[in-house]
C-alpha atoms as a PDB file:
ATOM      1  CA  MET A   1      63.882 -17.578   8.337  1.00  0.00           C
ATOM      2  CA  ARG A   2      60.350 -18.944   8.095  1.00  0.00           C
ATOM      3  CA  ASN A   3      59.808 -22.244   9.878  1.00  0.00           C
ATOM      4  CA  PRO A   4      57.456 -24.621   7.988  1.00  0.00           C
ATOM      5  CA  PHE A   5      56.401 -26.211  11.272  1.00  0.00           C
ATOM      6  CA  ARG A   6      55.433 -22.963  12.973  1.00  0.00           C
ATOM      7  CA  SER A   7      51.884 -23.052  11.631  1.00  0.00           C
ATOM      8  CA  GLU A   8      49.670 -26.101  11.528  1.00  0.00           C
ATOM      9  CA  GLY A   9      48.639 -25.383   7.934  1.00  0.00           C
ATOM     10  CA  ASP A  10      52.226 -25.316   6.650  1.00  0.00           C
ATOM     11  CA  ALA A  11      53.085 -28.530   8.505  1.00  0.00           C
ATOM     12  CA  PHE A  12      50.002 -30.252   7.093  1.00  0.00           C
ATOM     13  CA  ARG A  13      50.905 -29.192   3.533  1.00  0.00           C
ATOM     14  CA  LEU A  14      54.424 -30.555   4.003  1.00  0.00           C
ATOM     15  CA  VAL A  15      53.141 -33.907   5.283  1.00  0.00           C
ATOM     16  CA  VAL A  16      50.644 -34.194   2.405  1.00  0.00           C
ATOM     17  CA  LEU A  17      53.383 -33.341  -0.103  1.00  0.00           C
ATOM     18  CA  ILE A  18      55.650 -36.048   1.313  1.00  0.00           C
ATOM     19  CA  LEU A  19      52.840 -38.624   1.291  1.00  0.00           C
ATOM     20  CA  VAL A  20      51.823 -37.815  -2.291  1.00  0.00           C
ATOM     21  CA  SER A  21      55.441 -37.991  -3.447  1.00  0.00           C
ATOM     22  CA  GLY A  22      55.886 -41.355  -1.758  1.00  0.00           C
ATOM     23  CA  ALA A  23      52.671 -42.638  -3.323  1.00  0.00           C
ATOM     24  CA  LEU A  24      53.861 -41.556  -6.781  1.00  0.00           C
ATOM     25  CA  ILE A  25      57.155 -43.375  -6.325  1.00  0.00           C
ATOM     26  CA  VAL A  26      55.504 -46.566  -5.063  1.00  0.00           C
ATOM     27  CA  ALA A  27      52.870 -46.478  -7.800  1.00  0.00           C
ATOM     28  CA  SER A  28      55.481 -46.064 -10.515  1.00  0.00           C
ATOM     29  CA  ALA A  29      57.488 -48.956  -9.068  1.00  0.00           C
ATOM     30  CA  VAL A  30      54.456 -51.239  -8.914  1.00  0.00           C
ATOM     31  CA  LEU A  31      52.883 -50.236 -12.222  1.00  0.00           C
ATOM     32  CA  VAL A  32      55.980 -49.761 -14.380  1.00  0.00           C
ATOM     33  CA  SER A  33      59.393 -50.673 -12.975  1.00  0.00           C
ATOM     34  CA  ARG A  34      61.961 -49.882 -10.327  1.00  0.00           C
ATOM     35  CA  THR A  35      63.978 -47.886 -12.816  1.00  0.00           C
ATOM     36  CA  VAL A  36      61.055 -45.579 -13.517  1.00  0.00           C
ATOM     37  CA  ALA A  37      60.481 -45.250  -9.766  1.00  0.00           C
ATOM     38  CA  LEU A  38      64.106 -44.163  -9.316  1.00  0.00           C
ATOM     39  CA  VAL A  39      63.733 -41.594 -12.085  1.00  0.00           C
ATOM     40  CA  VAL A  40      60.512 -40.278 -10.541  1.00  0.00           C
ATOM     41  CA  ALA A  41      62.185 -40.137  -7.115  1.00  0.00           C
ATOM     42  CA  GLY A  42      65.140 -38.249  -8.592  1.00  0.00           C
ATOM     43  CA  LEU A  43      62.872 -35.754 -10.329  1.00  0.00           C
ATOM     44  CA  LEU A  44      60.815 -35.178  -7.191  1.00  0.00           C
ATOM     45  CA  LEU A  45      63.953 -34.773  -5.114  1.00  0.00           C
ATOM     46  CA  GLY A  46      65.380 -32.303  -7.629  1.00  0.00           C
ATOM     47  CA  VAL A  47      62.189 -30.243  -7.679  1.00  0.00           C
ATOM     48  CA  GLY A  48      62.101 -30.284  -3.885  1.00  0.00           C
ATOM     49  CA  LEU A  49      65.702 -29.108  -3.616  1.00  0.00           C
ATOM     50  CA  VAL A  50      65.173 -26.296  -6.114  1.00  0.00           C
ATOM     51  CA  ARG A  51      61.999 -25.139  -4.344  1.00  0.00           C
ATOM     52  CA  THR A  52      63.788 -25.295  -0.972  1.00  0.00           C
ATOM     53  CA  GLY A  53      66.650 -23.217  -2.356  1.00  0.00           C
ATOM     54  CA  ILE A  54      64.221 -20.592  -3.646  1.00  0.00           C
ATOM     55  CA  TRP A  55      62.390 -20.561  -0.293  1.00  0.00           C
ATOM     56  CA  ILE A  56      65.644 -20.121   1.641  1.00  0.00           C
ATOM     57  CA  ARG A  57      66.858 -17.323  -0.645  1.00  0.00           C
ATOM     58  CA  ARG A  58      63.559 -15.471  -0.251  1.00  0.00           C
ATOM     59  CA  SER A  59      63.491 -15.922   3.511  1.00  0.00           C
ATOM     60  CA  ILE A  60      67.003 -14.532   4.066  1.00  0.00           C
ATOM     61  CA  ALA A  61      66.734 -11.749   1.488  1.00  0.00           C
ATOM     62  CA  SER A  62      66.483  -8.219   2.785  1.00  0.00           C
ATOM     63  CA  PRO A  63      63.192  -6.349   2.285  1.00  0.00           C
ATOM     64  CA  ASP A  64      64.912  -4.099  -0.266  1.00  0.00           C
ATOM     65  CA  ASP A  65      65.768  -7.119  -2.431  1.00  0.00           C
ATOM     66  CA  GLU A  66      62.126  -8.259  -2.506  1.00  0.00           C
ATOM     67  CA  ASN A  67      60.948  -4.886  -3.810  1.00  0.00           C
ATOM     68  CA  LYS A  68      63.206  -5.203  -6.861  1.00  0.00           C
ATOM     69  CA  HIS A  69      61.362  -8.301  -8.167  1.00  0.00           C
END
């Protein structure tokens, strides 16, 4: 399985993604309302979970499975 902290570039991208997501949540809370911030947080969390699931499936798939796509 690929480790996102193995390379400095991947770790940096992950940190930037977390910071941008946090900034979006805070900005929506300050500019609109807490409810909108919760919705934004839920959407970002959902997208993150789906992307993580796809990444895990691809990393544990056999090389034969990747050639089929």
